[in-house]
PDB file of all heavy atoms in Angstrom:
ATOM      1  N   PRO A   1       0.806  -1.238   0.019  1.00  0.00           N
ATOM      2  CA  PRO A   1      -0.008   0.038  -0.019  1.00  0.00           C
ATOM      3  C   PRO A   1       0.832   1.251  -0.043  1.00  0.00           C
ATOM      4  O   PRO A   1       0.546   2.239  -0.684  1.00  0.00           O
ATOM      5  CB  PRO A   1      -0.785  -0.147   1.273  1.00  0.00           C
ATOM      6  CG  PRO A   1      -0.944  -1.557   1.541  1.00  0.00           C
ATOM      7  CD  PRO A   1       0.394  -2.130   1.088  1.00  0.00           C
ATOM      8  N   TRP A   2       1.991   1.233   0.790  1.00  0.00           N
ATOM      9  CA  TRP A   2       2.794   2.491   0.831  1.00  0.00           C
ATOM     10  C   TRP A   2       3.507   2.730  -0.546  1.00  0.00           C
ATOM     11  O   TRP A   2       3.750   3.933  -0.885  1.00  0.00           O
ATOM     12  CB  TRP A   2       3.764   2.385   1.979  1.00  0.00           C
ATOM     13  CG  TRP A   2       4.552   1.142   2.081  1.00  0.00           C
ATOM     14  CD1 TRP A   2       5.765   0.882   1.451  1.00  0.00           C
ATOM     15  CD2 TRP A   2       4.208   0.018   2.789  1.00  0.00           C
ATOM     16  NE1 TRP A   2       6.170  -0.355   1.706  1.00  0.00           N
ATOM     17  CE2 TRP A   2       5.266  -0.954   2.570  1.00  0.00           C
ATOM     18  CE3 TRP A   2       3.156  -0.377   3.646  1.00  0.00           C
ATOM     19  CZ2 TRP A   2       5.223  -2.279   3.184  1.00  0.00           C
ATOM     20  CZ3 TRP A   2       3.155  -1.650   4.178  1.00  0.00           C
ATOM     21  CH2 TRP A   2       4.189  -2.594   3.936  1.00  0.00           C
ATOM     22  N   ASN A   3       3.776   1.637  -1.276  1.00  0.00           N
ATOM     23  CA  ASN A   3       4.430   1.828  -2.549  1.00  0.00           C
ATOM     24  C   ASN A   3       3.384   2.369  -3.550  1.00  0.00           C
ATOM     25  O   ASN A   3       3.659   3.191  -4.377  1.00  0.00           O
ATOM     26  CB  ASN A   3       4.982   0.511  -3.086  1.00  0.00           C
ATOM     27  CG  ASN A   3       6.299   0.205  -2.339  1.00  0.00           C
ATOM     28  OD1 ASN A   3       6.959   0.998  -1.832  1.00  0.00           O
ATOM     29  ND2 ASN A   3       6.633  -1.139  -2.347  1.00  0.00           N
ATOM     30  N   LYS A   4       2.093   1.783  -3.423  1.00  0.00           N
ATOM     31  CA  LYS A   4       1.042   2.288  -4.257  1.00  0.00           C
ATOM     32  C   LYS A   4       0.877   3.800  -4.057  1.00  0.00           C
ATOM     33  O   LYS A   4       0.760   4.629  -5.098  1.00  0.00           O
ATOM     34  CB  LYS A   4      -0.316   1.642  -3.951  1.00  0.00           C
ATOM     35  CG  LYS A   4      -0.361   0.204  -4.511  1.00  0.00           C
ATOM     36  CD  LYS A   4      -1.677  -0.347  -4.132  1.00  0.00           C
ATOM     37  CE  LYS A   4      -1.970  -1.719  -4.770  1.00  0.00           C
ATOM     38  NZ  LYS A   4      -2.079  -1.628  -6.251  1.00  0.00           N
ATOM     39  N   MET A   5       0.773   4.273  -2.864  1.00  0.00           N
ATOM     40  CA  MET A   5       0.652   5.727  -2.569  1.00  0.00           C
ATOM     41  C   MET A   5       1.825   6.523  -3.070  1.00  0.00           C
ATOM     42  O   MET A   5       1.617   7.555  -3.678  1.00  0.00           O
ATOM     43  CB  MET A   5       0.461   5.947  -1.036  1.00  0.00           C
ATOM     44  CG  MET A   5      -0.888   5.494  -0.468  1.00  0.00           C
ATOM     45  SD  MET A   5      -2.184   6.593  -0.990  1.00  0.00           S
ATOM     46  CE  MET A   5      -1.709   8.073  -0.103  1.00  0.00           C
ATOM     47  N   SER A   6       3.039   6.153  -2.756  1.00  0.00           N
ATOM     48  CA  SER A   6       4.196   6.897  -3.048  1.00  0.00           C
ATOM     49  C   SER A   6       4.414   7.013  -4.552  1.00  0.00           C
ATOM     50  O   SER A   6       4.609   8.129  -5.072  1.00  0.00           O
ATOM     51  CB  SER A   6       5.421   6.230  -2.482  1.00  0.00           C
ATOM     52  OG  SER A   6       6.601   6.963  -2.892  1.00  0.00           O
ATOM     53  N   LEU A   7       4.259   5.910  -5.312  1.00  0.00           N
ATOM     54  CA  LEU A   7       4.433   6.020  -6.773  1.00  0.00           C
ATOM     55  C   LEU A   7       3.310   6.846  -7.368  1.00  0.00           C
ATOM     56  O   LEU A   7       3.563   7.588  -8.376  1.00  0.00           O
ATOM     57  CB  LEU A   7       4.418   4.555  -7.325  1.00  0.00           C
ATOM     58  CG  LEU A   7       5.645   3.731  -7.029  1.00  0.00           C
ATOM     59  CD1 LEU A   7       5.425   2.207  -7.242  1.00  0.00           C
ATOM     60  CD2 LEU A   7       6.920   4.259  -7.762  1.00  0.00           C
ATOM     61  N   THR A   8       2.119   6.644  -6.954  1.00  0.00           N
ATOM     62  CA  THR A   8       0.970   7.371  -7.548  1.00  0.00           C
ATOM     63  C   THR A   8       1.160   8.923  -7.248  1.00  0.00           C
ATOM     64  O   THR A   8       0.904   9.720  -8.186  1.00  0.00           O
ATOM     65  CB  THR A   8      -0.295   6.923  -6.908  1.00  0.00           C
ATOM     66  OG1 THR A   8      -0.492   5.490  -7.215  1.00  0.00           O
ATOM     67  CG2 THR A   8      -1.490   7.627  -7.602  1.00  0.00           C
ATOM     68  N   GLU A   9       1.488   9.269  -6.030  1.00  0.00           N
ATOM     69  CA  GLU A   9       1.654  10.621  -5.687  1.00  0.00           C
ATOM     70  C   GLU A   9       2.847  11.248  -6.531  1.00  0.00           C
ATOM     71  O   GLU A   9       2.684  12.461  -6.978  1.00  0.00           O
ATOM     72  CB  GLU A   9       2.006  10.834  -4.186  1.00  0.00           C
ATOM     73  CG  GLU A   9       0.813  10.571  -3.337  1.00  0.00           C
ATOM     74  CD  GLU A   9       1.152  10.634  -1.820  1.00  0.00           C
ATOM     75  OE1 GLU A   9       2.361  10.504  -1.507  1.00  0.00           O
ATOM     76  OE2 GLU A   9       0.130  10.749  -0.971  1.00  0.00           O
ATOM     77  N   ASP A  10       3.924  10.546  -6.731  1.00  0.00           N
ATOM     78  CA  ASP A  10       5.013  11.014  -7.581  1.00  0.00           C
ATOM     79  C   ASP A  10       4.524  11.299  -8.949  1.00  0.00           C
ATOM     80  O   ASP A  10       4.835  12.288  -9.580  1.00  0.00           O
ATOM     81  CB  ASP A  10       6.160  10.016  -7.553  1.00  0.00           C
ATOM     82  CG  ASP A  10       7.020  10.021  -6.280  1.00  0.00           C
ATOM     83  OD1 ASP A  10       6.747  10.929  -5.419  1.00  0.00           O
ATOM     84  OD2 ASP A  10       7.868   9.081  -6.138  1.00  0.00           O
ATOM     85  N   GLY A  11       3.841  10.345  -9.492  1.00  0.00           N
ATOM     86  CA  GLY A  11       3.234  10.497 -10.859  1.00  0.00           C
ATOM     87  C   GLY A  11       2.312  11.590 -11.015  1.00  0.00           C
ATOM     88  O   GLY A  11       2.437  12.414 -11.988  1.00  0.00           O
ATOM     89  N   LEU A  12       1.446  11.799 -10.004  1.00  0.00           N
ATOM     90  CA  LEU A  12       0.493  12.930 -10.075  1.00  0.00           C
ATOM     91  C   LEU A  12       1.219  14.299  -9.948  1.00  0.00           C
ATOM     92  O   LEU A  12       0.837  15.259 -10.681  1.00  0.00           O
ATOM     93  CB  LEU A  12      -0.585  12.788  -8.995  1.00  0.00           C
ATOM     94  CG  LEU A  12      -1.509  11.590  -9.028  1.00  0.00           C
ATOM     95  CD1 LEU A  12      -2.353  11.451  -7.829  1.00  0.00           C
ATOM     96  CD2 LEU A  12      -2.320  11.614 -10.299  1.00  0.00           C
ATOM     97  N   ALA A  13       2.258  14.339  -9.105  1.00  0.00           N
ATOM     98  CA  ALA A  13       3.019  15.561  -8.998  1.00  0.00           C
ATOM     99  C   ALA A  13       3.676  15.922 -10.232  1.00  0.00           C
ATOM    100  O   ALA A  13       3.729  17.078 -10.692  1.00  0.00           O
ATOM    101  CB  ALA A  13       4.011  15.378  -7.799  1.00  0.00           C
ATOM    102  N   ALA A  14       4.220  14.881 -10.974  1.00  0.00           N
ATOM    103  CA  ALA A  14       4.930  15.090 -12.175  1.00  0.00           C
ATOM    104  C   ALA A  14       3.948  15.670 -13.268  1.00  0.00           C
ATOM    105  O   ALA A  14       4.262  16.605 -13.993  1.00  0.00           O
ATOM    106  CB  ALA A  14       5.625  13.865 -12.741  1.00  0.00           C
ATOM    107  N   MET A  15       2.819  15.035 -13.307  1.00  0.00           N
ATOM    108  CA  MET A  15       1.792  15.442 -14.289  1.00  0.00           C
ATOM    109  C   MET A  15       1.295  16.909 -13.999  1.00  0.00           C
ATOM    110  O   MET A  15       1.033  17.649 -14.954  1.00  0.00           O
ATOM    111  CB  MET A  15       0.669  14.456 -14.296  1.00  0.00           C
ATOM    112  CG  MET A  15       1.007  13.061 -14.691  1.00  0.00           C
ATOM    113  SD  MET A  15      -0.356  11.938 -14.634  1.00  0.00           S
ATOM    114  CE  MET A  15      -1.029  12.233 -16.315  1.00  0.00           C
ATOM    115  N   GLY A  16       1.207  17.217 -12.710  1.00  0.00           N
ATOM    116  CA  GLY A  16       0.850  18.599 -12.361  1.00  0.00           C
ATOM    117  C   GLY A  16       1.909  19.625 -12.800  1.00  0.00           C
ATOM    118  O   GLY A  16       1.643  20.635 -13.290  1.00  0.00           O
ATOM    119  N   THR A  17       3.189  19.263 -12.638  1.00  0.00           N
ATOM    120  CA  THR A  17       4.276  20.161 -13.025  1.00  0.00           C
ATOM    121  C   THR A  17       4.284  20.281 -14.493  1.00  0.00           C
ATOM    122  O   THR A  17       4.606  21.405 -15.006  1.00  0.00           O
ATOM    123  CB  THR A  17       5.600  19.536 -12.492  1.00  0.00           C
ATOM    124  OG1 THR A  17       5.591  19.463 -11.095  1.00  0.00           O
ATOM    125  CG2 THR A  17       6.833  20.457 -12.974  1.00  0.00           C
ATOM    126  N   ALA A  18       3.921  19.285 -15.238  1.00  0.00           N
ATOM    127  CA  ALA A  18       3.907  19.392 -16.748  1.00  0.00           C
ATOM    128  C   ALA A  18       3.021  20.479 -17.215  1.00  0.00           C
ATOM    129  O   ALA A  18       3.323  21.131 -18.217  1.00  0.00           O
ATOM    130  CB  ALA A  18       3.497  18.031 -17.309  1.00  0.00           C
ATOM    131  N   GLN A  19       1.940  20.744 -16.467  1.00  0.00           N
ATOM    132  CA  GLN A  19       1.030  21.795 -16.898  1.00  0.00           C
ATOM    133  C   GLN A  19       1.699  23.177 -16.779  1.00  0.00           C
ATOM    134  O   GLN A  19       1.508  23.999 -17.627  1.00  0.00           O
ATOM    135  CB  GLN A  19      -0.292  21.879 -15.942  1.00  0.00           C
ATOM    136  CG  GLN A  19      -0.897  20.518 -15.794  1.00  0.00           C
ATOM    137  CD  GLN A  19      -1.266  19.839 -17.032  1.00  0.00           C
ATOM    138  OE1 GLN A  19      -1.788  20.441 -17.994  1.00  0.00           O
ATOM    139  NE2 GLN A  19      -0.909  18.556 -17.157  1.00  0.00           N
ATOM    140  N   GLN A  20       2.599  23.312 -15.802  1.00  0.00           N
ATOM    141  CA  GLN A  20       3.351  24.583 -15.688  1.00  0.00           C
ATOM    142  C   GLN A  20       4.389  24.836 -16.748  1.00  0.00           C
ATOM    143  O   GLN A  20       4.817  25.928 -16.988  1.00  0.00           O
ATOM    144  CB  GLN A  20       3.998  24.635 -14.309  1.00  0.00           C
ATOM    145  CG  GLN A  20       3.030  24.478 -13.090  1.00  0.00           C
ATOM    146  CD  GLN A  20       3.734  24.232 -11.809  1.00  0.00           C
ATOM    147  OE1 GLN A  20       4.872  24.650 -11.646  1.00  0.00           O
ATOM    148  NE2 GLN A  20       3.054  23.614 -10.860  1.00  0.00           N
ATOM    149  N   TRP A  21       4.751  23.731 -17.391  1.00  0.00           N
ATOM    150  CA  TRP A  21       5.826  23.859 -18.470  1.00  0.00           C
ATOM    151  C   TRP A  21       5.241  24.137 -19.803  1.00  0.00           C
ATOM    152  O   TRP A  21       5.991  24.397 -20.751  1.00  0.00           O
ATOM    153  CB  TRP A  21       6.576  22.480 -18.541  1.00  0.00           C
ATOM    154  CG  TRP A  21       7.477  22.205 -17.323  1.00  0.00           C
ATOM    155  CD1 TRP A  21       7.655  23.157 -16.236  1.00  0.00           C
ATOM    156  CD2 TRP A  21       8.297  21.136 -17.120  1.00  0.00           C
ATOM    157  NE1 TRP A  21       8.474  22.498 -15.363  1.00  0.00           N
ATOM    158  CE2 TRP A  21       8.944  21.295 -15.865  1.00  0.00           C
ATOM    159  CE3 TRP A  21       8.475  19.958 -17.894  1.00  0.00           C
ATOM    160  CZ2 TRP A  21       9.794  20.294 -15.418  1.00  0.00           C
ATOM    161  CZ3 TRP A  21       9.402  18.986 -17.376  1.00  0.00           C
ATOM    162  CH2 TRP A  21      10.027  19.251 -16.083  1.00  0.00           C
ATOM    163  N   LEU A  22       3.934  24.172 -19.903  1.00  0.00           N
ATOM    164  CA  LEU A  22       3.333  24.431 -21.245  1.00  0.00           C
ATOM    165  C   LEU A  22       3.445  25.859 -21.574  1.00  0.00           C
ATOM    166  O   LEU A  22       3.298  26.783 -20.827  1.00  0.00           O
ATOM    167  CB  LEU A  22       1.812  24.111 -21.204  1.00  0.00           C
ATOM    168  CG  LEU A  22       1.443  22.645 -21.177  1.00  0.00           C
ATOM    169  CD1 LEU A  22      -0.050  22.444 -20.944  1.00  0.00           C
ATOM    170  CD2 LEU A  22       1.902  22.018 -22.427  1.00  0.00           C
ATOM    171  N   GLY A  23       3.788  26.066 -22.895  1.00  0.00           N
ATOM    172  CA  GLY A  23       3.915  27.414 -23.536  1.00  0.00           C
ATOM    173  C   GLY A  23       3.150  27.567 -24.793  1.00  0.00           C
ATOM    174  O   GLY A  23       2.655  26.512 -25.302  1.00  0.00           O
ATOM    175  N   PRO A  24       3.032  28.694 -25.404  1.00  0.00           N
ATOM    176  CA  PRO A  24       2.328  28.823 -26.632  1.00  0.00           C
ATOM    177  C   PRO A  24       2.858  27.923 -27.739  1.00  0.00           C
ATOM    178  O   PRO A  24       2.040  27.540 -28.644  1.00  0.00           O
ATOM    179  CB  PRO A  24       2.555  30.336 -27.025  1.00  0.00           C
ATOM    180  CG  PRO A  24       2.935  30.953 -25.752  1.00  0.00           C
ATOM    181  CD  PRO A  24       3.636  29.979 -24.847  1.00  0.00           C
ATOM    182  N   GLU A  25       4.172  27.626 -27.720  1.00  0.00           N
ATOM    183  CA  GLU A  25       4.668  26.758 -28.771  1.00  0.00           C
ATOM    184  C   GLU A  25       4.086  25.364 -28.754  1.00  0.00           C
ATOM    185  O   GLU A  25       4.028  24.611 -29.792  1.00  0.00           O
ATOM    186  CB  GLU A  25       6.266  26.662 -28.615  1.00  0.00           C
ATOM    187  CG  GLU A  25       6.765  25.903 -27.445  1.00  0.00           C
ATOM    188  CD  GLU A  25       6.860  26.823 -26.165  1.00  0.00           C
ATOM    189  OE1 GLU A  25       6.269  27.939 -26.153  1.00  0.00           O
ATOM    190  OE2 GLU A  25       7.463  26.367 -25.230  1.00  0.00           O
ATOM    191  N   HIS A  26       3.596  24.904 -27.605  1.00  0.00           N
ATOM    192  CA  HIS A  26       3.018  23.575 -27.510  1.00  0.00           C
ATOM    193  C   HIS A  26       1.624  23.494 -28.170  1.00  0.00           C
ATOM    194  O   HIS A  26       1.103  22.379 -28.345  1.00  0.00           O
ATOM    195  CB  HIS A  26       3.006  23.109 -26.047  1.00  0.00           C
ATOM    196  CG  HIS A  26       4.359  23.051 -25.438  1.00  0.00           C
ATOM    197  ND1 HIS A  26       4.762  23.894 -24.442  1.00  0.00           N
ATOM    198  CD2 HIS A  26       5.509  22.378 -25.825  1.00  0.00           C
ATOM    199  CE1 HIS A  26       6.025  23.645 -24.138  1.00  0.00           C
ATOM    200  NE2 HIS A  26       6.446  22.770 -24.946  1.00  0.00           N
ATOM    201  N   ASP A  27       0.953  24.633 -28.465  1.00  0.00           N
ATOM    202  CA  ASP A  27      -0.250  24.638 -29.237  1.00  0.00           C
ATOM    203  C   ASP A  27       0.041  24.227 -30.712  1.00  0.00           C
ATOM    204  O   ASP A  27      -0.828  23.765 -31.366  1.00  0.00           O
ATOM    205  CB  ASP A  27      -0.920  26.012 -29.222  1.00  0.00           C
ATOM    206  CG  ASP A  27      -1.442  26.362 -27.819  1.00  0.00           C
ATOM    207  OD1 ASP A  27      -1.541  25.437 -26.969  1.00  0.00           O
ATOM    208  OD2 ASP A  27      -1.700  27.500 -27.639  1.00  0.00           O
TER     209      ASP A  27
END
């Protein structure tokens, strides 16, 4: 269970950060 939580949280955090990296060129 603790691995499920940790890996999922890491993945969600990375996906959230990806939104901040978007710029007009990605359109």
